[in-house]
Amino acid sequence: MSLSPEARKTLAGITTATITTVLLKKGLRNVWMRGARPLRPGLPRLVGPAFTLRFVPAREDLATPESWSSPISTRTAIEAMPEGCIAVVDAMGITDAGIFGDILCARMVKRGVTALVTDGVVRDVEGVLGTNLPVWCDGYAAPPSVAGLTFVGWGEPIGCGGVAVFPNDVVVADQDGCVLIPQAMLDHVLAEGVEQERMEAWIVNEVNNGAALPGLYPMNAETKARYAASKK
């Protein structure tokens, strides 16, 4: 799945908070990835299809430095990442083993990866920041991944921060964290998200002009009529 430039531009103008509200109205409550916070303050809102990677608990015969040269390794997975994707990594919330460091992140930049999102942590944090790869994670730690994790594959359904992520689902990440848009819900979010942002901007303007919240947020019939009139 590839996102059109128009879809990317539209989603870049819709906050993750708004997306969670739009999806909540459709019954989807579990779309915000726990633990995935921006590593650097002030990152722009980014959008991309999910490229999934999965770790399981470390097993001593598999989680070894030698495994880094295996055909099933994070190194090989990075070479399969398409330009414009967001790498979403299931690290099971482990925070004492860094899944990626500066070298791997630097390669992801060269491959045109939009961002890295994980419920785990990175290592070599100064170097990672120096690559300018946008990262959402749960912090940083010095030990390598094999100290606590075994890498087992990519391109399959995963759980990241308690959220089910399927390959090519759409990820939007901003200062509030990372949310997942199922492929089947993309058109709905594109349509309803824009309207939700427009409506809330109008409400904020009303509040700034002194309006009280009851009947405004949420809107009663009279307020809905005034809002509808404002769009004509």
Protein backbone atom coordinates (compact mmCIF):
# COMPACT_ATOMS: atom_id res chain seq x y z
CA MET A 1 0.00 0.00 0.00
CA SER A 2 1.27 3.45 -0.84
CA LEU A 3 -0.24 6.66 0.49
CA SER A 4 -1.03 9.32 -2.06
CA PRO A 5 0.62 12.71 -1.57
CA GLU A 6 -2.85 14.15 -1.02
CA ALA A 7 -3.62 11.66 1.76
CA ARG A 8 -0.28 12.33 3.45
CA LYS A 9 -0.86 16.07 3.31
CA THR A 10 -4.37 15.75 4.71
CA LEU A 11 -3.31 13.48 7.57
CA ALA A 12 -0.39 15.77 8.39
CA GLY A 13 -3.00 18.40 9.21
CA ILE A 14 -5.01 16.15 11.55
CA THR A 15 -3.80 15.68 15.12
CA THR A 16 -3.47 12.25 16.66
CA ALA A 17 -5.95 13.43 19.29
CA THR A 18 -8.51 14.13 16.59
CA ILE A 19 -7.85 10.79 14.91
CA THR A 20 -8.49 8.93 18.16
CA THR A 21 -11.79 10.81 18.53
CA VAL A 22 -12.86 10.03 14.96
CA LEU A 23 -12.03 6.34 15.41
CA LEU A 24 -13.69 6.24 18.83
CA LYS A 25 -16.95 7.31 17.21
CA LYS A 26 -16.63 4.22 14.98
CA GLY A 27 -16.01 1.96 17.99
CA LEU A 28 -12.20 1.73 17.82
CA ARG A 29 -10.80 2.53 21.26
CA ASN A 30 -7.36 0.92 21.15
CA VAL A 31 -5.33 2.75 18.50
CA TRP A 32 -2.81 4.81 20.55
CA MET A 33 0.54 3.04 21.06
CA ARG A 34 1.58 3.11 24.70
CA GLY A 35 5.18 4.02 25.42
CA ALA A 36 5.94 5.49 21.99
CA ARG A 37 6.91 9.09 22.75
CA PRO A 38 8.96 11.49 20.63
CA LEU A 39 12.66 11.09 21.37
CA ARG A 40 13.29 14.70 20.35
CA PRO A 41 10.91 17.56 21.26
CA GLY A 42 9.31 19.45 18.41
CA LEU A 43 9.16 16.70 15.80
CA PRO A 44 6.69 17.47 13.03
CA ARG A 45 3.61 15.32 12.54
CA LEU A 46 4.59 12.41 10.31
CA VAL A 47 2.54 9.93 8.32
CA GLY A 48 3.34 6.63 6.63
CA PRO A 49 2.33 3.01 6.04
CA ALA A 50 3.53 0.63 8.73
CA PHE A 51 6.50 -1.64 8.07
CA THR A 52 6.34 -4.08 10.97
CA LEU A 53 9.18 -5.77 12.88
CA ARG A 54 8.87 -8.17 15.81
CA PHE A 55 10.99 -9.20 18.77
CA VAL A 56 10.25 -11.95 21.30
CA PRO A 57 11.92 -12.56 24.68
CA ALA A 58 15.62 -13.29 24.56
CA ARG A 59 16.61 -16.94 24.28
CA GLU A 60 20.26 -17.60 24.94
CA ASP A 61 20.88 -19.84 21.92
CA LEU A 62 19.31 -17.31 19.54
CA ALA A 63 19.93 -13.86 21.02
CA THR A 64 23.65 -13.65 20.34
CA PRO A 65 25.95 -11.16 18.59
CA GLU A 66 26.29 -13.76 15.83
CA SER A 67 22.56 -13.42 15.12
CA TRP A 68 23.22 -9.94 13.73
CA SER A 69 24.64 -11.66 10.63
CA SER A 70 21.65 -14.00 10.24
CA PRO A 71 19.34 -13.75 7.21
CA ILE A 72 16.63 -13.02 9.78
CA SER A 73 18.08 -9.94 11.40
CA THR A 74 17.28 -6.30 11.90
CA ARG A 75 19.99 -5.55 9.34
CA THR A 76 18.22 -7.58 6.66
CA ALA A 77 14.85 -6.14 7.62
CA ILE A 78 16.10 -2.59 7.17
CA GLU A 79 17.15 -3.41 3.61
CA ALA A 80 13.53 -4.43 2.92
CA MET A 81 12.03 -1.16 4.18
CA PRO A 82 10.41 0.83 1.37
CA GLU A 83 10.87 4.56 1.05
CA GLY A 84 8.27 6.54 2.96
CA CYS A 85 7.32 3.79 5.41
CA ILE A 86 7.20 4.11 9.18
CA ALA A 87 9.04 1.24 10.87
CA VAL A 88 6.86 -0.03 13.73
CA VAL A 89 8.71 -2.36 16.09
CA ASP A 90 7.20 -4.71 18.64
CA ALA A 91 9.72 -4.77 21.49
CA MET A 92 7.17 -5.97 24.06
CA GLY A 93 7.73 -2.85 26.13
CA ILE A 94 11.23 -3.98 27.12
CA THR A 95 13.18 -0.90 28.26
CA ASP A 96 16.59 -2.30 29.21
CA ALA A 97 17.78 -3.38 25.74
CA GLY A 98 18.08 -0.95 22.82
CA ILE A 99 16.56 -2.34 19.64
CA PHE A 100 18.36 0.03 17.22
CA GLY A 101 21.41 2.26 17.52
CA ASP A 102 22.98 5.00 15.48
CA ILE A 103 24.32 2.83 12.65
CA LEU A 104 21.00 1.14 11.96
CA CYS A 105 19.12 4.43 12.20
CA ALA A 106 21.61 6.06 9.81
CA ARG A 107 20.91 3.32 7.27
CA MET A 108 17.17 3.82 7.66
CA VAL A 109 17.67 7.50 6.81
CA LYS A 110 19.55 6.51 3.65
CA ARG A 111 16.67 4.22 2.69
CA GLY A 112 14.18 7.05 3.02
CA VAL A 113 12.33 5.68 6.04
CA THR A 114 9.98 8.32 7.47
CA ALA A 115 10.26 7.40 11.15
CA LEU A 116 10.87 4.69 13.73
CA VAL A 117 8.11 3.84 16.21
CA THR A 118 8.52 1.32 19.02
CA ASP A 119 7.27 0.48 22.49
CA GLY A 120 10.90 -0.33 23.34
CA VAL A 121 14.02 1.81 23.52
CA VAL A 122 17.00 2.80 21.39
CA ARG A 123 20.70 2.88 22.25
CA ASP A 124 23.56 5.21 21.25
CA VAL A 125 21.06 7.99 21.82
CA GLU A 126 23.38 10.85 20.90
CA GLY A 127 24.23 9.13 17.64
CA VAL A 128 20.59 8.31 16.94
CA LEU A 129 19.67 11.95 17.43
CA GLY A 130 22.55 12.88 15.15
CA THR A 131 21.08 10.84 12.29
CA ASN A 132 17.96 13.07 12.37
CA LEU A 133 15.75 10.00 12.02
CA PRO A 134 12.47 10.87 13.75
CA VAL A 135 12.00 8.37 16.58
CA TRP A 136 9.09 7.65 18.88
CA CYS A 137 10.11 5.24 21.66
CA ASP A 138 10.04 4.61 25.41
CA GLY A 139 13.49 6.01 26.11
CA TYR A 140 17.01 4.69 25.75
CA ALA A 141 19.35 2.11 27.24
CA ALA A 142 22.97 1.10 26.70
CA PRO A 143 22.62 -2.71 26.33
CA PRO A 144 22.09 -4.14 22.83
CA SER A 145 18.87 -5.84 21.77
CA VAL A 146 20.21 -9.36 22.37
CA ALA A 147 20.56 -8.55 26.07
CA GLY A 148 16.81 -8.84 26.38
CA LEU A 149 15.22 -9.64 23.03
CA THR A 150 15.33 -12.01 20.07
CA PHE A 151 14.49 -10.62 16.63
CA VAL A 152 12.21 -12.99 14.75
CA GLY A 153 10.89 -11.29 11.64
CA TRP A 154 9.21 -8.52 9.73
CA GLY A 155 6.19 -7.91 7.53
CA GLU A 156 3.65 -9.64 9.79
CA PRO A 157 1.00 -8.51 12.29
CA ILE A 158 2.51 -7.32 15.56
CA GLY A 159 1.51 -5.70 18.83
CA CYS A 160 3.15 -2.35 19.56
CA GLY A 161 2.28 -0.56 22.75
CA GLY A 162 -0.75 -2.79 23.15
CA VAL A 163 -2.09 -2.00 19.67
CA ALA A 164 -2.52 -4.54 16.87
CA VAL A 165 -0.56 -3.31 13.85
CA PHE A 166 -0.85 -4.97 10.47
CA PRO A 167 1.58 -4.28 7.62
CA ASN A 168 0.52 -1.20 5.64
CA ASP A 169 -1.87 0.10 8.26
CA VAL A 170 -1.39 3.86 8.41
CA VAL A 171 0.55 5.41 11.28
CA VAL A 172 0.35 9.06 12.31
CA ALA A 173 2.85 10.33 14.89
CA ASP A 174 3.06 13.69 16.61
CA GLN A 175 3.79 15.21 20.03
CA ASP A 176 0.87 13.28 21.58
CA GLY A 177 2.31 9.96 20.42
CA CYS A 178 1.47 7.49 17.66
CA VAL A 179 -1.91 6.31 16.43
CA LEU A 180 -2.87 3.58 14.03
CA ILE A 181 -5.45 3.91 11.28
CA PRO A 182 -6.62 0.54 9.92
CA GLN A 183 -6.48 0.46 6.14
CA ALA A 184 -10.25 0.03 5.93
CA MET A 185 -10.79 3.20 7.98
CA LEU A 186 -8.46 5.50 6.06
CA ASP A 187 -11.05 7.16 3.82
CA HIS A 188 -13.33 7.73 6.81
CA VAL A 189 -10.55 9.40 8.81
CA LEU A 190 -9.54 11.56 5.86
CA ALA A 191 -13.10 12.83 5.52
CA GLU A 192 -14.17 13.09 9.14
CA GLY A 193 -10.82 14.21 10.51
CA VAL A 194 -10.79 17.37 8.42
CA GLU A 195 -14.31 18.26 9.55
CA GLN A 196 -13.50 17.51 13.19
CA GLU A 197 -10.49 19.85 13.04
CA ARG A 198 -12.59 22.58 11.41
CA MET A 199 -15.35 22.24 14.01
CA GLU A 200 -12.97 22.30 16.96
CA ALA A 201 -11.16 25.36 15.60
CA TRP A 202 -14.54 27.12 15.45
CA ILE A 203 -15.29 26.06 19.03
CA VAL A 204 -11.92 27.35 20.25
CA ASN A 205 -12.66 30.67 18.61
CA GLU A 206 -16.02 30.79 20.38
CA VAL A 207 -14.32 30.06 23.72
CA ASN A 208 -11.75 32.78 23.09
CA ASN A 209 -14.65 35.16 22.46
CA GLY A 210 -16.09 34.36 25.89
CA ALA A 211 -18.61 31.60 25.17
CA ALA A 212 -19.43 29.17 27.98
CA LEU A 213 -18.95 25.44 27.41
CA PRO A 214 -22.47 24.08 28.11
CA GLY A 215 -24.24 23.83 24.78
CA LEU A 216 -21.02 24.64 22.93
CA TYR A 217 -18.89 21.58 23.59
CA PRO A 218 -20.64 19.33 22.79
CA MET A 219 -22.89 21.41 20.60
CA ASN A 220 -26.59 21.70 21.19
CA ALA A 221 -29.04 22.25 18.33
CA GLU A 222 -28.70 26.04 18.40
CA THR A 223 -24.90 25.91 18.32
CA LYS A 224 -24.95 23.35 15.50
CA ALA A 225 -27.10 25.73 13.49
CA ARG A 226 -24.70 28.63 14.11
CA TYR A 227 -21.76 26.45 13.13
CA ALA A 228 -23.49 25.31 9.95
CA ALA A 229 -24.23 28.92 9.06
CA SER A 230 -20.57 29.86 9.59
CA LYS A 231 -19.53 27.44 6.84
CA LYS A 232 -21.74 29.02 4.18
